Amino acid sequence: MDARHNQPRIGHIVMGRGRDAADVPISTAFGVAKLVRFDVVTDELPQPRTS
């Protein structure tokens, strides 16, 4: 499911694509897992030059 309906939106970054949440999990663990911290770091790439 794509909540953006394949339309680009300013301020949103696609972090993963798949058929469902099992294709692109944030983490995989068996048993109890407590998320203590979750950081996302992004960098803007320079625009390619057009001739």
PDB file of N, CA and C in Angstrom:
ATOM      1  N   MET A   1       0.849  -1.174   0.000  1.00  0.00           N
ATOM      2  CA  MET A   1       0.000   0.000   0.000  1.00  0.00           C
ATOM      3  C   MET A   1       0.890   1.231   0.000  1.00  0.00           C
ATOM      4  N   ASP A   2       0.589   2.168  -0.827  1.00  0.00           N
ATOM      5  CA  ASP A   2       1.337   3.417  -0.892  1.00  0.00           C
ATOM      6  C   ASP A   2       0.386   4.543  -0.514  1.00  0.00           C
ATOM      7  N   ALA A   3       0.564   5.084   0.674  1.00  0.00           N
ATOM      8  CA  ALA A   3      -0.319   6.161   1.131  1.00  0.00           C
ATOM      9  C   ALA A   3      -0.177   7.422   0.290  1.00  0.00           C
ATOM     10  N   ARG A   4       0.922   7.529  -0.455  1.00  0.00           N
ATOM     11  CA  ARG A   4       1.128   8.702  -1.312  1.00  0.00           C
ATOM     12  C   ARG A   4       0.475   8.526  -2.673  1.00  0.00           C
ATOM     13  N   HIS A   5      -0.011   7.341  -2.975  1.00  0.00           N
ATOM     14  CA  HIS A   5      -0.620   7.045  -4.277  1.00  0.00           C
ATOM     15  C   HIS A   5       0.347   7.359  -5.416  1.00  0.00           C
ATOM     16  N   ASN A   6       1.641   7.037  -5.195  1.00  0.00           N
ATOM     17  CA  ASN A   6       2.706   7.244  -6.179  1.00  0.00           C
ATOM     18  C   ASN A   6       2.875   8.693  -6.614  1.00  0.00           C
ATOM     19  N   GLN A   7       2.430   9.622  -5.790  1.00  0.00           N
ATOM     20  CA  GLN A   7       2.609  11.037  -6.077  1.00  0.00           C
ATOM     21  C   GLN A   7       3.731  11.580  -5.190  1.00  0.00           C
ATOM     22  N   PRO A   8       4.720  12.287  -5.781  1.00  0.00           N
ATOM     23  CA  PRO A   8       5.787  12.854  -4.948  1.00  0.00           C
ATOM     24  C   PRO A   8       5.222  13.917  -4.005  1.00  0.00           C
ATOM     25  N   ARG A   9       5.724  13.927  -2.796  1.00  0.00           N
ATOM     26  CA  ARG A   9       5.296  14.906  -1.800  1.00  0.00           C
ATOM     27  C   ARG A   9       6.523  15.514  -1.149  1.00  0.00           C
ATOM     28  N   ILE A  10       6.500  16.793  -0.923  1.00  0.00           N
ATOM     29  CA  ILE A  10       7.610  17.463  -0.252  1.00  0.00           C
ATOM     30  C   ILE A  10       7.537  17.150   1.242  1.00  0.00           C
ATOM     31  N   GLY A  11       8.656  16.783   1.819  1.00  0.00           N
ATOM     32  CA  GLY A  11       8.725  16.532   3.235  1.00  0.00           C
ATOM     33  C   GLY A  11       8.561  15.081   3.632  1.00  0.00           C
ATOM     34  N   HIS A  12       8.303  14.195   2.689  1.00  0.00           N
ATOM     35  CA  HIS A  12       8.176  12.769   2.995  1.00  0.00           C
ATOM     36  C   HIS A  12       9.266  12.008   2.267  1.00  0.00           C
ATOM     37  N   ILE A  13       9.859  11.058   2.929  1.00  0.00           N
ATOM     38  CA  ILE A  13      10.936  10.273   2.351  1.00  0.00           C
ATOM     39  C   ILE A  13      10.537   8.805   2.396  1.00  0.00           C
ATOM     40  N   VAL A  14      10.593   8.136   1.261  1.00  0.00           N
ATOM     41  CA  VAL A  14      10.300   6.710   1.221  1.00  0.00           C
ATOM     42  C   VAL A  14      11.497   5.973   1.808  1.00  0.00           C
ATOM     43  N   MET A  15      11.274   5.219   2.868  1.00  0.00           N
ATOM     44  CA  MET A  15      12.352   4.486   3.526  1.00  0.00           C
ATOM     45  C   MET A  15      12.390   3.029   3.111  1.00  0.00           C
ATOM     46  N   GLY A  16      11.321   2.541   2.528  1.00  0.00           N
ATOM     47  CA  GLY A  16      11.284   1.147   2.112  1.00  0.00           C
ATOM     48  C   GLY A  16      10.041   0.885   1.284  1.00  0.00           C
ATOM     49  N   ARG A  17      10.141  -0.088   0.404  1.00  0.00           N
ATOM     50  CA  ARG A  17       9.004  -0.485  -0.426  1.00  0.00           C
ATOM     51  C   ARG A  17       8.880  -1.993  -0.397  1.00  0.00           C
ATOM     52  N   GLY A  18       7.665  -2.462  -0.378  1.00  0.00           N
ATOM     53  CA  GLY A  18       7.437  -3.896  -0.374  1.00  0.00           C
ATOM     54  C   GLY A  18       5.962  -4.200  -0.473  1.00  0.00           C
ATOM     55  N   ARG A  19       5.673  -5.486  -0.457  1.00  0.00           N
ATOM     56  CA  ARG A  19       4.278  -5.919  -0.551  1.00  0.00           C
ATOM     57  C   ARG A  19       3.527  -5.636   0.736  1.00  0.00           C
ATOM     58  N   ASP A  20       4.203  -5.766   1.869  1.00  0.00           N
ATOM     59  CA  ASP A  20       3.593  -5.505   3.167  1.00  0.00           C
ATOM     60  C   ASP A  20       4.697  -5.208   4.176  1.00  0.00           C
ATOM     61  N   ALA A  21       4.321  -5.045   5.437  1.00  0.00           N
ATOM     62  CA  ALA A  21       5.296  -4.673   6.475  1.00  0.00           C
ATOM     63  C   ALA A  21       6.368  -5.734   6.674  1.00  0.00           C
ATOM     64  N   ALA A  22       6.090  -6.982   6.337  1.00  0.00           N
ATOM     65  CA  ALA A  22       7.088  -8.038   6.487  1.00  0.00           C
ATOM     66  C   ALA A  22       8.226  -7.894   5.476  1.00  0.00           C
ATOM     67  N   ASP A  23       7.978  -7.253   4.345  1.00  0.00           N
ATOM     68  CA  ASP A  23       9.024  -7.051   3.338  1.00  0.00           C
ATOM     69  C   ASP A  23      10.028  -5.973   3.748  1.00  0.00           C
ATOM     70  N   VAL A  24       9.603  -4.994   4.508  1.00  0.00           N
ATOM     71  CA  VAL A  24      10.488  -3.889   4.912  1.00  0.00           C
ATOM     72  C   VAL A  24      10.312  -3.565   6.398  1.00  0.00           C
ATOM     73  N   PRO A  25      10.682  -4.505   7.275  1.00  0.00           N
ATOM     74  CA  PRO A  25      10.505  -4.249   8.708  1.00  0.00           C
ATOM     75  C   PRO A  25      11.538  -3.250   9.231  1.00  0.00           C
ATOM     76  N   ILE A  26      11.180  -2.525  10.270  1.00  0.00           N
ATOM     77  CA  ILE A  26      12.130  -1.634  10.931  1.00  0.00           C
ATOM     78  C   ILE A  26      13.221  -2.467  11.590  1.00  0.00           C
ATOM     79  N   SER A  27      12.820  -3.576  12.208  1.00  0.00           N
ATOM     80  CA  SER A  27      13.784  -4.495  12.810  1.00  0.00           C
ATOM     81  C   SER A  27      13.157  -5.882  12.848  1.00  0.00           C
ATOM     82  N   THR A  28      14.004  -6.873  13.005  1.00  0.00           N
ATOM     83  CA  THR A  28      13.507  -8.236  13.177  1.00  0.00           C
ATOM     84  C   THR A  28      14.106  -8.799  14.448  1.00  0.00           C
ATOM     85  N   ALA A  29      13.260  -9.360  15.284  1.00  0.00           N
ATOM     86  CA  ALA A  29      13.716  -9.947  16.540  1.00  0.00           C
ATOM     87  C   ALA A  29      12.722 -11.012  16.961  1.00  0.00           C
ATOM     88  N   PHE A  30      13.204 -11.988  17.682  1.00  0.00           N
ATOM     89  CA  PHE A  30      12.334 -13.019  18.229  1.00  0.00           C
ATOM     90  C   PHE A  30      12.280 -12.828  19.735  1.00  0.00           C
ATOM     91  N   GLY A  31      11.113 -12.893  20.299  1.00  0.00           N
ATOM     92  CA  GLY A  31      10.955 -12.666  21.725  1.00  0.00           C
ATOM     93  C   GLY A  31      10.680 -11.202  22.013  1.00  0.00           C
ATOM     94  N   VAL A  32      10.833 -10.825  23.267  1.00  0.00           N
ATOM     95  CA  VAL A  32      10.558  -9.456  23.695  1.00  0.00           C
ATOM     96  C   VAL A  32      11.666  -8.531  23.199  1.00  0.00           C
ATOM     97  N   ALA A  33      11.284  -7.440  22.591  1.00  0.00           N
ATOM     98  CA  ALA A  33      12.254  -6.436  22.139  1.00  0.00           C
ATOM     99  C   ALA A  33      11.713  -5.060  22.501  1.00  0.00           C
ATOM    100  N   LYS A  34      12.484  -4.295  23.225  1.00  0.00           N
ATOM    101  CA  LYS A  34      12.065  -2.961  23.640  1.00  0.00           C
ATOM    102  C   LYS A  34      12.854  -1.933  22.838  1.00  0.00           C
ATOM    103  N   LEU A  35      12.138  -1.129  22.044  1.00  0.00           N
ATOM    104  CA  LEU A  35      12.782  -0.088  21.255  1.00  0.00           C
ATOM    105  C   LEU A  35      13.117   1.076  22.175  1.00  0.00           C
ATOM    106  N   VAL A  36      14.395   1.314  22.367  1.00  0.00           N
ATOM    107  CA  VAL A  36      14.839   2.365  23.269  1.00  0.00           C
ATOM    108  C   VAL A  36      15.080   3.659  22.517  1.00  0.00           C
ATOM    109  N   ARG A  37      15.573   3.530  21.281  1.00  0.00           N
ATOM    110  CA  ARG A  37      15.890   4.731  20.506  1.00  0.00           C
ATOM    111  C   ARG A  37      15.784   4.408  19.026  1.00  0.00           C
ATOM    112  N   PHE A  38      15.316   5.372  18.249  1.00  0.00           N
ATOM    113  CA  PHE A  38      15.196   5.188  16.811  1.00  0.00           C
ATOM    114  C   PHE A  38      15.529   6.522  16.156  1.00  0.00           C
ATOM    115  N   ASP A  39      16.635   6.585  15.442  1.00  0.00           N
ATOM    116  CA  ASP A  39      17.059   7.816  14.768  1.00  0.00           C
ATOM    117  C   ASP A  39      17.043   7.605  13.264  1.00  0.00           C
ATOM    118  N   VAL A  40      16.625   8.624  12.552  1.00  0.00           N
ATOM    119  CA  VAL A  40      16.672   8.621  11.093  1.00  0.00           C
ATOM    120  C   VAL A  40      17.490   9.832  10.667  1.00  0.00           C
ATOM    121  N   VAL A  41      18.535   9.590   9.889  1.00  0.00           N
ATOM    122  CA  VAL A  41      19.395  10.669   9.407  1.00  0.00           C
ATOM    123  C   VAL A  41      19.267  10.724   7.894  1.00  0.00           C
ATOM    124  N   THR A  42      19.019  11.908   7.360  1.00  0.00           N
ATOM    125  CA  THR A  42      18.898  12.067   5.908  1.00  0.00           C
ATOM    126  C   THR A  42      19.824  13.174   5.428  1.00  0.00           C
ATOM    127  N   ASP A  43      20.285  13.040   4.209  1.00  0.00           N
ATOM    128  CA  ASP A  43      21.092  14.052   3.550  1.00  0.00           C
ATOM    129  C   ASP A  43      20.501  14.317   2.177  1.00  0.00           C
ATOM    130  N   GLU A  44      20.428  15.578   1.800  1.00  0.00           N
ATOM    131  CA  GLU A  44      19.923  15.942   0.480  1.00  0.00           C
ATOM    132  C   GLU A  44      21.030  15.721  -0.542  1.00  0.00           C
ATOM    133  N   LEU A  45      20.711  15.027  -1.614  1.00  0.00           N
ATOM    134  CA  LEU A  45      21.671  14.792  -2.692  1.00  0.00           C
ATOM    135  C   LEU A  45      21.634  15.968  -3.655  1.00  0.00           C
ATOM    136  N   PRO A  46      22.796  16.317  -4.229  1.00  0.00           N
ATOM    137  CA  PRO A  46      22.793  17.403  -5.216  1.00  0.00           C
ATOM    138  C   PRO A  46      21.998  16.995  -6.451  1.00  0.00           C
ATOM    139  N   GLN A  47      21.348  17.957  -7.071  1.00  0.00           N
ATOM    140  CA  GLN A  47      20.597  17.699  -8.290  1.00  0.00           C
ATOM    141  C   GLN A  47      21.560  17.410  -9.427  1.00  0.00           C
ATOM    142  N   PRO A  48      21.270  16.415 -10.265  1.00  0.00           N
ATOM    143  CA  PRO A  48      22.154  16.126 -11.399  1.00  0.00           C
ATOM    144  C   PRO A  48      22.132  17.268 -12.405  1.00  0.00           C
ATOM    145  N   ARG A  49      23.259  17.495 -13.021  1.00  0.00           N
ATOM    146  CA  ARG A  49      23.350  18.566 -14.041  1.00  0.00           C
ATOM    147  C   ARG A  49      22.682  18.101 -15.330  1.00  0.00           C
ATOM    148  N   THR A  50      21.979  19.009 -15.950  1.00  0.00           N
ATOM    149  CA  THR A  50      21.387  18.698 -17.259  1.00  0.00           C
ATOM    150  C   THR A  50      22.106  19.513 -18.313  1.00  0.00           C
ATOM    151  N   SER A  51      22.368  18.896 -19.429  1.00  0.00           N
ATOM    152  CA  SER A  51      23.115  19.589 -20.502  1.00  0.00           C
ATOM    153  C   SER A  51      22.183  20.213 -21.495  1.00  0.00           C
TER     154      SER A  51
END
